[in-house]
Amino acid sequence: MDLTVIVPTFNEGPNVAELVRRTTDALPGRAIEILFVDDSTDDTPDIIRAVAAQASVPVRLLHRDRPVGGLGGAVVDGIRAAASDFCVVMDGDLQHPPEVIAELLARAEVGDADVVVASRYIAGGTSDGLANAVRTLVSRGSTLLTKAMFPRKLHNCSDPMTGFFLIDRRALDVEDLRPRGFKILLEILARKQMRVAEVPFSFAPRFAGESKASFSQGMRFLTQLTMLRFGRMSAFALVGGLGAVANLLIMWGLTAVGVQYLVAAVIASVITIVANFLALEYLVFADMREESGLMRHRFVKSFTFNGIEAIVRIPVIWLLVNEAHIQSVVAAGLTLVAAFVIRFVFHALVVYAPKKARNAQIAALPEPLEDELAA
């Protein structure tokens, strides 16, 4: 068996026949199976059985009467039950084009990657199939936040939020996974440093049915993210929280002795920016310093960003004080809270990002075989 295509489904009956047809057509001459891991409450299991009876490739159904772990749990159960070590995971709504599976498999067979990710965010990929601008913004924002929380493990993955990827089961300890939601690739990559390759794909509109995205799914994602990355972000929050308290105390002390509140805010910001950088350097990101260049370069990036953020924040304080009539120290506190997430993303993705040159070999696609033979 060359490949198992794992399709977690929840009430996706109208898409089943087309998915099987296109997947079969996309992989001629390959020994594949299609495994539906189904949590449906409608007639989807019956439709899968009917399609399986007519299909030219093996189509199996694993129906979970008592689903555990949501979509992520379905994928893990599918990996356990797969007949092949190469497992492609894809959604059942055809927003993940089956025609890309052949590219994922060909890339995996090169042998230098544990995971091959179908990415919307590299050259040749698009996210046009997202329902609207809000969904696009949420997708981009959650991707940035996720990469910021795992800057080393996700450095070579442009789209850790995708549900379309190929995993070599031999590189995975399935029992270590603790699926809590629908972002199973994030769970896999966050648990263990994996060799990652990518191929582009265009995220398509749904073939049939309605999207399962919801507010509760978003909350599950945030919970999953927090549980996976509680360590570094909590340390960043502690440093930021102490810096915010120090900022407010300095500002309060200066205003108490007659310093104008905007001047006091500037002085407090400069002092805490420098102090926070040192704390991040030796506490939060200490394990990433060696890979991220010279300390003075990190300081310039951090100080410049925080300086710009402070320059933007000071007028906001003015507006809150003069237009919203909020007490000045309270206004400063509100702006510091709003700046926290932005600061974390910037420091994780920019200030302490590993040098690109050291990761180029992992990220790059291999040279054509004929070139290697000629050499």
Protein backbone atom coordinates (compact mmCIF):
# COMPACT_ATOMS: atom_id res chain seq x y z
CA MET A 1 0.00 0.00 0.00
CA ASP A 2 1.60 3.29 -1.14
CA LEU A 3 -0.72 5.62 0.73
CA THR A 4 -3.69 5.92 3.08
CA VAL A 5 -5.88 8.97 2.55
CA ILE A 6 -7.52 9.80 5.90
CA VAL A 7 -10.70 11.86 5.67
CA PRO A 8 -12.36 12.87 8.96
CA THR A 9 -16.04 13.56 8.30
CA PHE A 10 -18.97 15.05 10.15
CA ASN A 11 -22.19 15.18 8.11
CA GLU A 12 -20.38 15.45 4.76
CA GLY A 13 -22.47 12.95 2.76
CA PRO A 14 -22.93 15.09 -0.39
CA ASN A 15 -19.15 15.33 -0.84
CA VAL A 16 -18.21 11.67 -0.49
CA ALA A 17 -18.70 10.38 -4.03
CA GLU A 18 -16.91 13.33 -5.64
CA LEU A 19 -14.02 13.09 -3.20
CA VAL A 20 -13.52 9.39 -3.91
CA ARG A 21 -13.75 9.94 -7.67
CA ARG A 22 -11.24 12.80 -7.76
CA THR A 23 -8.84 11.07 -5.36
CA THR A 24 -8.88 7.90 -7.44
CA ASP A 25 -8.34 9.85 -10.67
CA ALA A 26 -5.47 11.83 -9.11
CA LEU A 27 -3.43 8.73 -8.23
CA PRO A 28 -3.51 6.32 -11.20
CA GLY A 29 -1.29 3.29 -10.80
CA ARG A 30 -0.83 3.89 -7.07
CA ALA A 31 -1.85 1.38 -4.40
CA ILE A 32 -4.00 3.57 -2.18
CA GLU A 33 -6.86 3.30 0.24
CA ILE A 34 -9.31 5.97 1.38
CA LEU A 35 -10.20 5.78 5.06
CA PHE A 36 -13.19 7.81 6.28
CA VAL A 37 -13.15 8.39 10.03
CA ASP A 38 -16.72 9.43 10.57
CA ASP A 39 -18.42 11.18 13.50
CA SER A 40 -21.63 11.95 11.60
CA THR A 41 -25.12 12.11 13.02
CA ASP A 42 -26.83 11.84 9.61
CA ASP A 43 -26.73 9.31 6.75
CA THR A 44 -23.08 9.96 5.83
CA PRO A 45 -21.97 6.43 6.92
CA ASP A 46 -24.53 4.85 4.60
CA ILE A 47 -23.38 7.03 1.73
CA ILE A 48 -19.76 6.03 2.36
CA ARG A 49 -20.68 2.36 2.30
CA ALA A 50 -22.60 2.78 -0.97
CA VAL A 51 -19.70 4.64 -2.61
CA ALA A 52 -17.22 2.05 -1.32
CA ALA A 53 -19.16 -0.74 -3.03
CA GLN A 54 -18.66 0.95 -6.42
CA ALA A 55 -15.13 2.36 -5.97
CA SER A 56 -12.10 1.04 -7.84
CA VAL A 57 -9.82 1.50 -4.80
CA PRO A 58 -10.35 0.25 -1.25
CA VAL A 59 -12.63 2.62 0.69
CA ARG A 60 -12.95 1.92 4.40
CA LEU A 61 -15.20 3.38 7.07
CA LEU A 62 -14.31 3.85 10.73
CA HIS A 63 -17.45 5.21 12.36
CA ARG A 64 -16.97 6.53 15.90
CA ASP A 65 -20.12 6.17 17.96
CA ARG A 66 -18.52 8.03 20.86
CA PRO A 67 -16.08 10.53 19.32
CA VAL A 68 -13.16 11.64 21.46
CA GLY A 69 -10.87 14.57 20.66
CA GLY A 70 -12.93 16.12 17.88
CA LEU A 71 -11.42 16.23 14.41
CA GLY A 72 -7.93 15.81 15.83
CA GLY A 73 -9.00 12.64 17.61
CA ALA A 74 -10.49 11.31 14.37
CA VAL A 75 -7.20 11.87 12.55
CA VAL A 76 -5.23 10.10 15.29
CA ASP A 77 -7.62 7.12 15.13
CA GLY A 78 -7.21 7.11 11.36
CA ILE A 79 -3.41 7.08 11.59
CA ARG A 80 -3.59 4.11 13.95
CA ALA A 81 -5.89 2.21 11.57
CA ALA A 82 -4.08 3.09 8.33
CA ALA A 83 -2.67 0.31 6.14
CA SER A 84 0.22 2.52 4.94
CA ASP A 85 2.92 4.40 6.84
CA PHE A 86 2.37 7.34 4.47
CA CYS A 87 -0.89 9.00 5.55
CA VAL A 88 -2.46 12.01 3.86
CA VAL A 89 -4.91 13.95 6.01
CA MET A 90 -7.51 16.08 4.25
CA ASP A 91 -10.94 17.57 4.88
CA GLY A 92 -14.06 15.98 3.44
CA ASP A 93 -15.49 19.15 1.88
CA LEU A 94 -13.14 19.27 -1.16
CA GLN A 95 -11.60 22.57 -0.13
CA HIS A 96 -8.42 20.49 -0.15
CA PRO A 97 -8.06 19.51 -3.84
CA PRO A 98 -7.36 15.76 -4.17
CA GLU A 99 -5.20 16.51 -7.22
CA VAL A 100 -2.49 17.84 -4.85
CA ILE A 101 -2.15 14.46 -3.12
CA ALA A 102 0.15 13.16 -5.87
CA GLU A 103 2.53 16.07 -5.24
CA LEU A 104 2.51 15.42 -1.50
CA LEU A 105 3.32 11.74 -2.04
CA ALA A 106 6.06 12.42 -4.59
CA ARG A 107 7.69 14.92 -2.23
CA ALA A 108 7.49 12.49 0.70
CA GLU A 109 9.11 9.72 -1.33
CA VAL A 110 12.26 11.83 -1.67
CA GLY A 111 12.90 10.67 1.88
CA ASP A 112 14.14 13.83 3.59
CA ALA A 113 10.90 14.95 5.27
CA ASP A 114 8.69 13.54 8.01
CA VAL A 115 5.79 15.84 7.14
CA VAL A 116 4.85 17.36 3.79
CA VAL A 117 2.52 20.31 4.28
CA ALA A 118 0.12 21.59 1.65
CA SER A 119 0.49 25.33 2.20
CA ARG A 120 -1.71 28.26 1.23
CA TYR A 121 1.03 30.72 2.09
CA ILE A 122 3.98 29.92 -0.18
CA ALA A 123 4.44 30.81 -3.84
CA GLY A 124 1.73 29.14 -5.90
CA GLY A 125 -0.69 28.77 -2.99
CA THR A 126 -3.81 30.81 -2.22
CA SER A 127 -6.53 30.99 0.44
CA ASP A 128 -9.21 32.25 -1.94
CA GLY A 129 -11.67 29.59 -0.82
CA LEU A 130 -12.13 31.16 2.61
CA ALA A 131 -15.68 32.40 2.96
CA ASN A 132 -14.97 36.12 3.45
CA ALA A 133 -12.45 38.76 4.46
CA VAL A 134 -13.07 38.12 8.15
CA ARG A 135 -12.24 34.41 7.80
CA THR A 136 -9.12 35.34 5.85
CA LEU A 137 -8.04 37.81 8.54
CA VAL A 138 -8.69 35.30 11.32
CA SER A 139 -6.73 32.62 9.44
CA ARG A 140 -3.74 34.88 8.87
CA GLY A 141 -3.79 36.20 12.42
CA SER A 142 -4.05 32.77 14.03
CA THR A 143 -1.19 31.52 11.84
CA LEU A 144 1.05 34.39 12.95
CA LEU A 145 0.16 33.82 16.61
CA THR A 146 0.80 30.09 16.32
CA LYS A 147 4.19 30.57 14.65
CA ALA A 148 5.09 33.11 17.32
CA MET A 149 4.35 30.59 20.05
CA PHE A 150 6.53 27.93 18.40
CA PRO A 151 9.18 29.93 16.53
CA ARG A 152 11.69 27.07 16.31
CA LYS A 153 9.48 24.07 15.61
CA LEU A 154 7.36 25.98 13.07
CA HIS A 155 10.14 28.02 11.50
CA ASN A 156 10.05 25.97 8.30
CA CYS A 157 6.27 25.65 8.15
CA SER A 158 4.41 28.55 6.56
CA ASP A 159 0.94 27.08 7.18
CA PRO A 160 0.78 25.15 10.49
CA MET A 161 -2.99 25.69 10.60
CA THR A 162 -3.68 23.71 7.45
CA GLY A 163 -5.63 20.48 7.67
CA PHE A 164 -4.03 19.14 4.48
CA PHE A 165 -0.72 17.31 4.89
CA LEU A 166 1.13 14.00 4.55
CA ILE A 167 2.73 12.40 7.60
CA ASP A 168 5.18 9.49 7.71
CA ARG A 169 3.73 7.47 10.58
CA ARG A 170 7.15 6.00 11.38
CA ALA A 171 8.36 9.43 12.54
CA LEU A 172 5.39 9.92 14.84
CA ASP A 173 4.70 8.66 18.35
CA VAL A 174 0.92 8.56 18.11
CA GLU A 175 0.51 7.85 21.81
CA ASP A 176 2.16 11.17 22.71
CA LEU A 177 -0.53 13.16 20.91
CA ARG A 178 -3.28 14.77 22.95
CA PRO A 179 -5.75 16.01 20.34
CA ARG A 180 -8.10 18.66 21.72
CA GLY A 181 -9.50 20.27 18.59
CA PHE A 182 -9.31 20.51 14.84
CA LYS A 183 -5.70 21.68 14.34
CA ILE A 184 -3.99 18.30 14.44
CA LEU A 185 -0.95 19.38 12.38
CA LEU A 186 -0.15 21.96 15.05
CA GLU A 187 -0.36 19.23 17.67
CA ILE A 188 2.03 17.01 15.69
CA LEU A 189 4.60 19.71 14.97
CA ALA A 190 4.51 21.20 18.47
CA ARG A 191 5.14 17.88 20.19
CA LYS A 192 8.30 16.97 18.31
CA GLN A 193 10.84 18.60 16.01
CA MET A 194 9.95 17.27 12.57
CA ARG A 195 11.58 17.56 9.16
CA VAL A 196 9.12 19.64 7.15
CA ALA A 197 8.70 20.13 3.40
CA GLU A 198 5.95 22.08 1.68
CA VAL A 199 4.03 22.12 -1.59
CA PRO A 200 1.61 24.91 -2.55
CA PHE A 201 -2.12 24.48 -2.96
CA SER A 202 -5.12 26.69 -3.60
CA PHE A 203 -7.77 26.48 -0.90
CA ALA A 204 -11.00 25.89 -2.81
CA PRO A 205 -14.63 26.75 -2.05
CA ARG A 206 -16.71 24.01 -0.44
CA PHE A 207 -18.17 21.50 -2.91
CA ALA A 208 -21.35 21.03 -0.86
CA GLY A 209 -22.68 21.47 2.66
CA GLU A 210 -21.95 24.11 5.28
CA SER A 211 -18.76 25.13 7.04
CA LYS A 212 -18.19 23.72 10.55
CA ALA A 213 -16.23 26.79 11.64
CA SER A 214 -17.76 28.43 14.71
CA PHE A 215 -16.97 30.50 17.78
CA SER A 216 -16.69 27.33 19.86
CA GLN A 217 -14.14 25.93 17.38
CA GLY A 218 -12.16 29.12 17.76
CA MET A 219 -12.18 28.78 21.54
CA ARG A 220 -11.05 25.15 21.25
CA PHE A 221 -8.16 26.30 19.07
CA LEU A 222 -7.10 28.93 21.61
CA THR A 223 -7.30 26.33 24.38
CA GLN A 224 -5.20 23.90 22.35
CA LEU A 225 -2.65 26.59 21.58
CA THR A 226 -2.42 27.69 25.21
CA MET A 227 -2.00 24.13 26.46
CA LEU A 228 0.73 23.38 23.93
CA ARG A 229 2.70 26.57 24.46
CA PHE A 230 1.88 27.58 28.02
CA GLY A 231 5.53 27.68 28.97
CA ARG A 232 7.16 30.38 26.82
CA MET A 233 4.18 32.63 26.45
CA SER A 234 3.46 32.56 30.18
CA ALA A 235 7.07 33.59 30.85
CA PHE A 236 6.71 36.37 28.28
CA ALA A 237 3.48 37.44 29.96
CA LEU A 238 5.19 37.46 33.36
CA VAL A 239 8.01 39.66 32.10
CA GLY A 240 5.55 41.88 30.27
CA GLY A 241 3.30 42.06 33.32
CA LEU A 242 6.14 43.05 35.61
CA GLY A 243 7.29 45.59 33.02
CA ALA A 244 3.77 47.00 32.79
CA VAL A 245 3.58 47.35 36.58
CA ALA A 246 7.00 49.00 36.63
CA ASN A 247 5.93 51.29 33.79
CA LEU A 248 2.85 52.40 35.70
CA LEU A 249 4.75 52.85 38.98
CA ILE A 250 7.42 54.96 37.29
CA MET A 251 4.78 57.03 35.53
CA TRP A 252 2.81 57.47 38.77
CA GLY A 253 5.93 58.49 40.68
CA LEU A 254 6.94 61.04 38.06
CA THR A 255 3.47 62.57 37.82
CA ALA A 256 3.33 62.71 41.63
CA VAL A 257 6.38 65.01 41.65
CA GLY A 258 4.91 67.26 38.97
CA VAL A 259 6.14 65.76 35.68
CA GLN A 260 3.59 66.19 32.87
CA TYR A 261 1.90 62.83 32.25
CA LEU A 262 2.97 62.43 28.59
CA VAL A 263 6.60 63.12 29.46
CA ALA A 264 6.30 60.70 32.36
CA ALA A 265 4.88 58.05 29.99
CA VAL A 266 7.84 58.46 27.61
CA ILE A 267 10.43 58.14 30.39
CA ALA A 268 8.66 55.12 31.88
CA SER A 269 8.48 53.46 28.45
CA VAL A 270 12.20 53.88 27.70
CA ILE A 271 13.24 52.44 31.07
CA THR A 272 10.92 49.44 30.85
CA ILE A 273 11.77 48.72 27.20
CA VAL A 274 15.44 48.26 28.11
CA ALA A 275 14.65 46.27 31.27
CA ASN A 276 12.17 44.02 29.42
CA PHE A 277 14.69 43.29 26.67
CA LEU A 278 17.25 42.09 29.20
CA ALA A 279 14.66 39.90 30.88
CA LEU A 280 13.59 38.39 27.54
CA GLU A 281 17.22 37.86 26.57
CA TYR A 282 18.22 35.92 29.67
CA LEU A 283 14.95 34.36 30.75
CA VAL A 284 12.28 33.90 28.08
CA PHE A 285 14.31 33.39 24.89
CA ALA A 286 17.63 32.29 26.41
CA ASP A 287 17.56 28.99 24.48
CA MET A 288 17.13 30.81 21.15
CA ARG A 289 19.84 33.46 21.41
CA GLU A 290 22.61 31.41 19.83
CA GLU A 291 20.62 30.81 16.64
CA SER A 292 19.28 34.35 16.24
CA GLY A 293 22.38 36.45 15.60
CA LEU A 294 24.16 39.09 17.66
CA MET A 295 22.72 40.53 20.85
CA ARG A 296 23.15 44.12 19.64
CA HIS A 297 21.11 43.33 16.52
CA ARG A 298 18.35 41.83 18.64
CA PHE A 299 18.43 44.89 20.90
CA VAL A 300 18.13 47.27 17.95
CA LYS A 301 15.15 45.33 16.58
CA SER A 302 13.48 45.11 19.98
CA PHE A 303 14.14 48.74 20.96
CA THR A 304 13.06 50.07 17.56
CA PHE A 305 9.82 48.08 17.58
CA ASN A 306 8.99 48.98 21.16
CA GLY A 307 9.90 52.59 20.49
CA ILE A 308 7.53 52.72 17.53
CA GLU A 309 4.87 50.95 19.60
CA ALA A 310 5.37 53.52 22.38
CA ILE A 311 5.16 56.40 19.89
CA VAL A 312 1.85 54.99 18.66
CA ARG A 313 0.66 54.25 22.19
CA ILE A 314 1.28 57.75 23.58
CA PRO A 315 -1.28 59.45 21.27
CA VAL A 316 -3.75 56.69 22.13
CA ILE A 317 -3.26 57.50 25.82
CA TRP A 318 -3.90 61.16 25.01
CA LEU A 319 -7.14 60.27 23.24
CA LEU A 320 -8.31 58.08 26.11
CA VAL A 321 -7.52 60.80 28.66
CA ASN A 322 -8.84 63.81 26.76
CA GLU A 323 -11.65 62.33 24.72
CA ALA A 324 -12.81 59.36 26.80
CA HIS A 325 -11.96 61.06 30.12
CA ILE A 326 -10.14 58.02 31.50
CA GLN A 327 -7.60 58.57 34.27
CA SER A 328 -4.10 58.72 32.77
CA VAL A 329 -2.56 55.72 34.56
CA VAL A 330 -5.64 53.60 33.76
CA ALA A 331 -5.41 54.67 30.11
CA ALA A 332 -1.74 53.67 30.01
CA GLY A 333 -2.62 50.29 31.51
CA LEU A 334 -5.25 49.63 28.85
CA THR A 335 -2.81 50.36 26.04
CA LEU A 336 -0.16 48.10 27.60
CA VAL A 337 -2.60 45.18 27.68
CA ALA A 338 -3.53 45.75 24.02
CA ALA A 339 0.16 45.82 23.03
CA PHE A 340 1.03 42.48 24.68
CA VAL A 341 0.08 40.09 21.87
CA ILE A 342 1.66 42.27 19.19
CA ARG A 343 4.94 42.44 21.14
CA PHE A 344 5.02 38.69 21.64
CA VAL A 345 4.44 37.95 17.96
CA PHE A 346 7.16 40.37 16.87
CA HIS A 347 9.80 39.12 19.30
CA ALA A 348 9.17 35.44 18.57
CA LEU A 349 9.01 35.80 14.77
CA VAL A 350 11.54 38.57 14.17
CA VAL A 351 13.87 39.34 17.08
CA TYR A 352 14.62 35.73 18.05
CA ALA A 353 13.91 33.98 14.74
CA PRO A 354 16.63 31.48 13.75
CA LYS A 355 18.88 32.65 10.95
CA LYS A 356 17.45 31.66 7.57
CA ALA A 357 20.77 30.39 6.30
CA ARG A 358 20.89 27.67 8.95
CA ASN A 359 17.50 26.35 7.93
CA ALA A 360 17.74 26.69 4.17
CA GLN A 361 18.63 23.04 3.59
CA ILE A 362 15.53 21.81 5.40
CA ALA A 363 13.17 24.27 3.76
CA ALA A 364 14.43 23.93 0.20
CA LEU A 365 13.20 21.38 -2.29
CA PRO A 366 15.82 18.90 -3.54
CA GLU A 367 17.67 19.38 -6.79
CA PRO A 368 16.48 17.28 -9.78
CA LEU A 369 17.88 13.76 -9.80
CA GLU A 370 19.52 14.19 -13.21
CA ASP A 371 21.55 17.13 -11.86
CA GLU A 372 22.84 14.99 -9.01
CA LEU A 373 23.88 12.25 -11.41
CA ALA A 374 25.60 14.74 -13.69
CA ALA A 375 27.57 16.09 -10.76
